[in-house]
Amino acid sequence: MSFSVSADEDTALVEQCLRGDTNAFRPLVERYQKVLFTVALRMLGDHADASDAAQNAFVRAYEKLGTYDRTHRFFSWLYRILLNECLNVQRSRRRFEPIERIEPTLAATDDPHRAAQDAEVKARVQAALAQLPRPYREVVILRHFADLSYHEMAETLAIPEKTVKSRLYSARQRLGELLLGWDGER
């Protein structure tokens, strides 16, 4: 997903909202709801929690729209709100919730063995993601599940692009170790 085309449009919609046009917020929700849910799901590992976090992020964003700094992309601001919502959910959990709570969606297939393998791979990837430190998990999610460019990731996370690349490299190395028993030093 590339947000460069919509940055000016996002700002215009925010301005409309601030002038009292509550319907102007709807296109922002429609544009970002899928990516926010995907990010929250990868961060939290639970459909219901991810849905709540994404919805709460939009509510908080709407309530705090007047604090949005127009020199930054709307998505970057919204992402930080979502991240805070995800952290709130994680803090509210008394204990670690097993990754098995994720209900993989399986495409209809004539090969149940293949469907079971696909579900197992998805569960292993999610479990490995959950083991990554948050900064590594964020860059993997933004790159591979939200499809952001390095530049967009840097802007969203408010870190230099070189740091994004470094974290992504390290995260991929760690995922290789976790998923494949691969030693990146070879």
C-alpha atoms as a PDB file:
ATOM      1  CA  MET A   1       0.000   0.000   0.000  1.00  0.00           C
ATOM      2  CA  SER A   2       1.448   3.337  -0.954  1.00  0.00           C
ATOM      3  CA  PHE A   3       0.167   6.386   0.837  1.00  0.00           C
ATOM      4  CA  SER A   4       1.986   9.064  -1.158  1.00  0.00           C
ATOM      5  CA  VAL A   5      -0.941   9.797  -3.468  1.00  0.00           C
ATOM      6  CA  SER A   6      -3.394  10.240  -0.614  1.00  0.00           C
ATOM      7  CA  ALA A   7      -1.329  12.449   1.758  1.00  0.00           C
ATOM      8  CA  ASP A   8      -2.786  15.737   0.496  1.00  0.00           C
ATOM      9  CA  GLU A   9      -6.237  14.219   0.302  1.00  0.00           C
ATOM     10  CA  ASP A  10      -5.920  12.979   3.907  1.00  0.00           C
ATOM     11  CA  THR A  11      -5.000  16.462   5.087  1.00  0.00           C
ATOM     12  CA  ALA A  12      -7.935  17.954   3.197  1.00  0.00           C
ATOM     13  CA  LEU A  13     -10.296  15.428   4.801  1.00  0.00           C
ATOM     14  CA  VAL A  14      -8.925  16.226   8.251  1.00  0.00           C
ATOM     15  CA  GLU A  15      -9.487  19.930   7.580  1.00  0.00           C
ATOM     16  CA  GLN A  16     -13.101  19.201   6.545  1.00  0.00           C
ATOM     17  CA  CYS A  17     -13.639  17.237   9.768  1.00  0.00           C
ATOM     18  CA  LEU A  18     -12.226  20.055  11.848  1.00  0.00           C
ATOM     19  CA  ARG A  19     -14.643  22.456  10.127  1.00  0.00           C
ATOM     20  CA  GLY A  20     -17.551  20.265  11.268  1.00  0.00           C
ATOM     21  CA  ASP A  21     -18.059  17.848   8.357  1.00  0.00           C
ATOM     22  CA  THR A  22     -18.135  14.588  10.330  1.00  0.00           C
ATOM     23  CA  ASN A  23     -18.713  12.568   7.149  1.00  0.00           C
ATOM     24  CA  ALA A  24     -15.251  13.534   5.911  1.00  0.00           C
ATOM     25  CA  PHE A  25     -13.737  11.081   8.406  1.00  0.00           C
ATOM     26  CA  ARG A  26     -15.392   8.099   6.681  1.00  0.00           C
ATOM     27  CA  PRO A  27     -12.979   7.990   3.686  1.00  0.00           C
ATOM     28  CA  LEU A  28     -10.047   7.966   6.112  1.00  0.00           C
ATOM     29  CA  VAL A  29     -11.532   4.985   7.937  1.00  0.00           C
ATOM     30  CA  GLU A  30     -12.236   3.193   4.673  1.00  0.00           C
ATOM     31  CA  ARG A  31      -8.718   3.864   3.402  1.00  0.00           C
ATOM     32  CA  TYR A  32      -6.880   2.644   6.511  1.00  0.00           C
ATOM     33  CA  GLN A  33      -9.145   0.162   8.293  1.00  0.00           C
ATOM     34  CA  LYS A  34      -7.717  -2.930   6.602  1.00  0.00           C
ATOM     35  CA  VAL A  35      -4.073  -2.010   7.159  1.00  0.00           C
ATOM     36  CA  LEU A  36      -4.725  -1.009  10.777  1.00  0.00           C
ATOM     37  CA  PHE A  37      -6.520  -4.264  11.479  1.00  0.00           C
ATOM     38  CA  THR A  38      -3.715  -6.248   9.835  1.00  0.00           C
ATOM     39  CA  VAL A  39      -1.062  -4.456  11.860  1.00  0.00           C
ATOM     40  CA  ALA A  40      -3.039  -4.898  15.088  1.00  0.00           C
ATOM     41  CA  LEU A  41      -3.619  -8.586  14.358  1.00  0.00           C
ATOM     42  CA  ARG A  42       0.094  -9.161  13.818  1.00  0.00           C
ATOM     43  CA  MET A  43       0.930  -7.195  16.970  1.00  0.00           C
ATOM     44  CA  LEU A  44      -1.697  -8.800  19.204  1.00  0.00           C
ATOM     45  CA  GLY A  45      -2.337 -12.216  17.654  1.00  0.00           C
ATOM     46  CA  ASP A  46      -6.084 -12.159  18.303  1.00  0.00           C
ATOM     47  CA  HIS A  47      -8.872 -11.180  15.894  1.00  0.00           C
ATOM     48  CA  ALA A  48     -11.169  -9.684  18.529  1.00  0.00           C
ATOM     49  CA  ASP A  49      -8.386  -7.709  20.224  1.00  0.00           C
ATOM     50  CA  ALA A  50      -7.101  -6.499  16.850  1.00  0.00           C
ATOM     51  CA  SER A  51     -10.563  -5.384  15.781  1.00  0.00           C
ATOM     52  CA  ASP A  52     -11.074  -3.538  19.073  1.00  0.00           C
ATOM     53  CA  ALA A  53      -7.642  -1.899  18.897  1.00  0.00           C
ATOM     54  CA  ALA A  54      -8.187  -0.715  15.313  1.00  0.00           C
ATOM     55  CA  GLN A  55     -11.650   0.609  16.125  1.00  0.00           C
ATOM     56  CA  ASN A  56     -10.388   2.348  19.269  1.00  0.00           C
ATOM     57  CA  ALA A  57      -7.541   3.897  17.273  1.00  0.00           C
ATOM     58  CA  PHE A  58     -10.039   5.478  14.885  1.00  0.00           C
ATOM     59  CA  VAL A  59     -12.168   6.743  17.773  1.00  0.00           C
ATOM     60  CA  ARG A  60      -9.122   8.248  19.509  1.00  0.00           C
ATOM     61  CA  ALA A  61      -7.908   9.751  16.244  1.00  0.00           C
ATOM     62  CA  TYR A  62     -11.284  11.391  15.659  1.00  0.00           C
ATOM     63  CA  GLU A  63     -11.384  12.713  19.219  1.00  0.00           C
ATOM     64  CA  LYS A  64      -7.825  14.099  18.953  1.00  0.00           C
ATOM     65  CA  LEU A  65      -8.014  15.286  15.340  1.00  0.00           C
ATOM     66  CA  GLY A  66      -7.175  18.819  16.429  1.00  0.00           C
ATOM     67  CA  THR A  67      -3.738  17.639  17.609  1.00  0.00           C
ATOM     68  CA  TYR A  68      -2.782  16.173  14.220  1.00  0.00           C
ATOM     69  CA  ASP A  69       0.399  17.818  12.918  1.00  0.00           C
ATOM     70  CA  ARG A  70      -0.162  18.449   9.213  1.00  0.00           C
ATOM     71  CA  THR A  71       3.587  18.395   8.533  1.00  0.00           C
ATOM     72  CA  HIS A  72       3.460  14.598   8.985  1.00  0.00           C
ATOM     73  CA  ARG A  73       1.457  12.006   7.125  1.00  0.00           C
ATOM     74  CA  PHE A  74      -1.927  11.185   8.596  1.00  0.00           C
ATOM     75  CA  PHE A  75      -1.153   7.457   8.470  1.00  0.00           C
ATOM     76  CA  SER A  76       1.997   7.944  10.557  1.00  0.00           C
ATOM     77  CA  TRP A  77      -0.003   9.753  13.212  1.00  0.00           C
ATOM     78  CA  LEU A  78      -2.787   7.154  13.085  1.00  0.00           C
ATOM     79  CA  TYR A  79      -0.268   4.309  13.273  1.00  0.00           C
ATOM     80  CA  ARG A  80       1.185   5.708  16.504  1.00  0.00           C
ATOM     81  CA  ILE A  81      -2.304   5.866  17.981  1.00  0.00           C
ATOM     82  CA  LEU A  82      -2.878   2.238  16.950  1.00  0.00           C
ATOM     83  CA  LEU A  83       0.453   1.216  18.447  1.00  0.00           C
ATOM     84  CA  ASN A  84      -0.569   2.792  21.760  1.00  0.00           C
ATOM     85  CA  GLU A  85      -3.884   0.938  21.624  1.00  0.00           C
ATOM     86  CA  CYS A  86      -2.046  -2.350  21.020  1.00  0.00           C
ATOM     87  CA  LEU A  87       0.279  -1.629  23.935  1.00  0.00           C
ATOM     88  CA  ASN A  88      -2.749  -0.937  26.143  1.00  0.00           C
ATOM     89  CA  VAL A  89      -4.237  -4.306  25.181  1.00  0.00           C
ATOM     90  CA  GLN A  90      -0.950  -6.064  25.878  1.00  0.00           C
ATOM     91  CA  ARG A  91      -0.631  -4.339  29.259  1.00  0.00           C
ATOM     92  CA  SER A  92      -4.155  -5.325  30.195  1.00  0.00           C
ATOM     93  CA  ARG A  93      -3.417  -8.997  29.636  1.00  0.00           C
ATOM     94  CA  ARG A  94      -2.481 -10.623  32.934  1.00  0.00           C
ATOM     95  CA  ARG A  95      -0.516 -13.434  31.320  1.00  0.00           C
ATOM     96  CA  PHE A  96       0.817 -14.411  27.930  1.00  0.00           C
ATOM     97  CA  GLU A  97      -1.997 -15.588  25.715  1.00  0.00           C
ATOM     98  CA  PRO A  98      -1.058 -18.559  23.543  1.00  0.00           C
ATOM     99  CA  ILE A  99      -0.695 -17.910  19.865  1.00  0.00           C
ATOM    100  CA  GLU A 100      -3.186 -20.710  19.162  1.00  0.00           C
ATOM    101  CA  ARG A 101      -5.978 -18.176  19.726  1.00  0.00           C
ATOM    102  CA  ILE A 102      -5.442 -16.996  16.174  1.00  0.00           C
ATOM    103  CA  GLU A 103      -7.987 -18.542  13.899  1.00  0.00           C
ATOM    104  CA  PRO A 104      -6.331 -18.893  10.508  1.00  0.00           C
ATOM    105  CA  THR A 105      -8.605 -18.264   7.585  1.00  0.00           C
ATOM    106  CA  LEU A 106      -8.288 -21.091   5.135  1.00  0.00           C
ATOM    107  CA  ALA A 107      -9.159 -20.719   1.510  1.00  0.00           C
ATOM    108  CA  ALA A 108     -11.491 -23.346   0.179  1.00  0.00           C
ATOM    109  CA  THR A 109      -9.441 -26.105  -1.317  1.00  0.00           C
ATOM    110  CA  ASP A 110      -9.907 -29.603  -2.602  1.00  0.00           C
ATOM    111  CA  ASP A 111      -6.731 -30.677  -0.789  1.00  0.00           C
ATOM    112  CA  PRO A 112      -7.303 -30.800   2.976  1.00  0.00           C
ATOM    113  CA  HIS A 113      -3.671 -31.831   3.513  1.00  0.00           C
ATOM    114  CA  ARG A 114      -2.473 -28.667   1.752  1.00  0.00           C
ATOM    115  CA  ALA A 115      -4.948 -26.554   3.733  1.00  0.00           C
ATOM    116  CA  ALA A 116      -3.636 -28.039   6.993  1.00  0.00           C
ATOM    117  CA  GLN A 117      -0.051 -27.333   5.922  1.00  0.00           C
ATOM    118  CA  ASP A 118      -0.928 -23.735   5.064  1.00  0.00           C
ATOM    119  CA  ALA A 119      -2.605 -23.270   8.452  1.00  0.00           C
ATOM    120  CA  GLU A 120       0.455 -24.700  10.196  1.00  0.00           C
ATOM    121  CA  VAL A 121       2.784 -22.354   8.314  1.00  0.00           C
ATOM    122  CA  LYS A 122       0.617 -19.337   9.201  1.00  0.00           C
ATOM    123  CA  ALA A 123       0.594 -20.343  12.864  1.00  0.00           C
ATOM    124  CA  ARG A 124       4.379 -20.815  12.899  1.00  0.00           C
ATOM    125  CA  VAL A 125       4.965 -17.427  11.268  1.00  0.00           C
ATOM    126  CA  GLN A 126       2.645 -15.712  13.750  1.00  0.00           C
ATOM    127  CA  ALA A 127       4.359 -17.470  16.666  1.00  0.00           C
ATOM    128  CA  ALA A 128       7.777 -16.416  15.365  1.00  0.00           C
ATOM    129  CA  LEU A 129       6.588 -12.814  14.921  1.00  0.00           C
ATOM    130  CA  ALA A 130       5.330 -12.815  18.501  1.00  0.00           C
ATOM    131  CA  GLN A 131       8.833 -13.749  19.691  1.00  0.00           C
ATOM    132  CA  LEU A 132      10.511 -10.793  17.974  1.00  0.00           C
ATOM    133  CA  PRO A 133      11.239  -7.663  19.998  1.00  0.00           C
ATOM    134  CA  ARG A 134       8.642  -4.987  19.237  1.00  0.00           C
ATOM    135  CA  PRO A 135      10.911  -2.792  17.047  1.00  0.00           C
ATOM    136  CA  TYR A 136      11.725  -5.781  14.828  1.00  0.00           C
ATOM    137  CA  ARG A 137       8.129  -6.984  14.738  1.00  0.00           C
ATOM    138  CA  GLU A 138       6.944  -3.515  13.698  1.00  0.00           C
ATOM    139  CA  VAL A 139       9.213  -3.276  10.659  1.00  0.00           C
ATOM    140  CA  VAL A 140       8.310  -6.780   9.470  1.00  0.00           C
ATOM    141  CA  ILE A 141       4.600  -6.062   9.828  1.00  0.00           C
ATOM    142  CA  LEU A 142       4.798  -2.687   8.112  1.00  0.00           C
ATOM    143  CA  ARG A 143       6.905  -4.033   5.237  1.00  0.00           C
ATOM    144  CA  HIS A 144       5.345  -7.427   4.593  1.00  0.00           C
ATOM    145  CA  PHE A 145       1.781  -7.091   5.843  1.00  0.00           C
ATOM    146  CA  ALA A 146       1.061  -3.359   5.399  1.00  0.00           C
ATOM    147  CA  ASP A 147       3.245  -3.168   2.247  1.00  0.00           C
ATOM    148  CA  LEU A 148       4.875   0.155   3.130  1.00  0.00           C
ATOM    149  CA  SER A 149       8.042   1.355   1.413  1.00  0.00           C
ATOM    150  CA  TYR A 150      11.215   1.947   3.445  1.00  0.00           C
ATOM    151  CA  HIS A 151      10.580   5.676   3.272  1.00  0.00           C
ATOM    152  CA  GLU A 152       6.977   5.284   4.488  1.00  0.00           C
ATOM    153  CA  MET A 153       8.125   2.983   7.286  1.00  0.00           C
ATOM    154  CA  ALA A 154      10.775   5.485   8.393  1.00  0.00           C
ATOM    155  CA  GLU A 155       8.220   8.262   8.448  1.00  0.00           C
ATOM    156  CA  THR A 156       5.634   6.140  10.251  1.00  0.00           C
ATOM    157  CA  LEU A 157       8.078   5.018  12.933  1.00  0.00           C
ATOM    158  CA  ALA A 158       9.865   8.398  13.112  1.00  0.00           C
ATOM    159  CA  ILE A 159      13.270   6.790  12.618  1.00  0.00           C
ATOM    160  CA  PRO A 160      15.893   7.120   9.864  1.00  0.00           C
ATOM    161  CA  GLU A 161      15.479   4.960   6.778  1.00  0.00           C
ATOM    162  CA  LYS A 162      18.848   3.308   7.497  1.00  0.00           C
ATOM    163  CA  THR A 163      17.513   2.214  10.885  1.00  0.00           C
ATOM    164  CA  VAL A 164      14.466   0.722   9.191  1.00  0.00           C
ATOM    165  CA  LYS A 165      16.694  -1.286   6.848  1.00  0.00           C
ATOM    166  CA  SER A 166      18.942  -2.407   9.691  1.00  0.00           C
ATOM    167  CA  ARG A 167      16.013  -3.502  11.863  1.00  0.00           C
ATOM    168  CA  LEU A 168      14.382  -5.285   8.963  1.00  0.00           C
ATOM    169  CA  TYR A 169      17.603  -7.139   8.169  1.00  0.00           C
ATOM    170  CA  SER A 170      18.004  -8.185  11.813  1.00  0.00           C
ATOM    171  CA  ALA A 171      14.348  -9.153  12.070  1.00  0.00           C
ATOM    172  CA  ARG A 172      14.576 -11.322   8.963  1.00  0.00           C
ATOM    173  CA  GLN A 173      17.718 -12.990  10.360  1.00  0.00           C
ATOM    174  CA  ARG A 174      15.919 -13.729  13.625  1.00  0.00           C
ATOM    175  CA  LEU A 175      12.833 -15.034  11.804  1.00  0.00           C
ATOM    176  CA  GLY A 176      15.084 -17.308   9.766  1.00  0.00           C
ATOM    177  CA  GLU A 177      16.520 -18.678  12.986  1.00  0.00           C
ATOM    178  CA  LEU A 178      13.109 -19.148  14.577  1.00  0.00           C
ATOM    179  CA  LEU A 179      11.357 -20.646  11.558  1.00  0.00           C
ATOM    180  CA  LEU A 180      14.107 -22.604   9.852  1.00  0.00           C
ATOM    181  CA  GLY A 181      16.765 -23.060  12.478  1.00  0.00           C
ATOM    182  CA  TRP A 182      18.892 -21.024  10.089  1.00  0.00           C
ATOM    183  CA  ASP A 183      22.087 -19.494  11.379  1.00  0.00           C
ATOM    184  CA  GLY A 184      22.681 -16.239   9.512  1.00  0.00           C
ATOM    185  CA  GLU A 185      26.399 -16.352  10.364  1.00  0.00           C
ATOM    186  CA  ARG A 186      27.146 -19.182   7.945  1.00  0.00           C
END
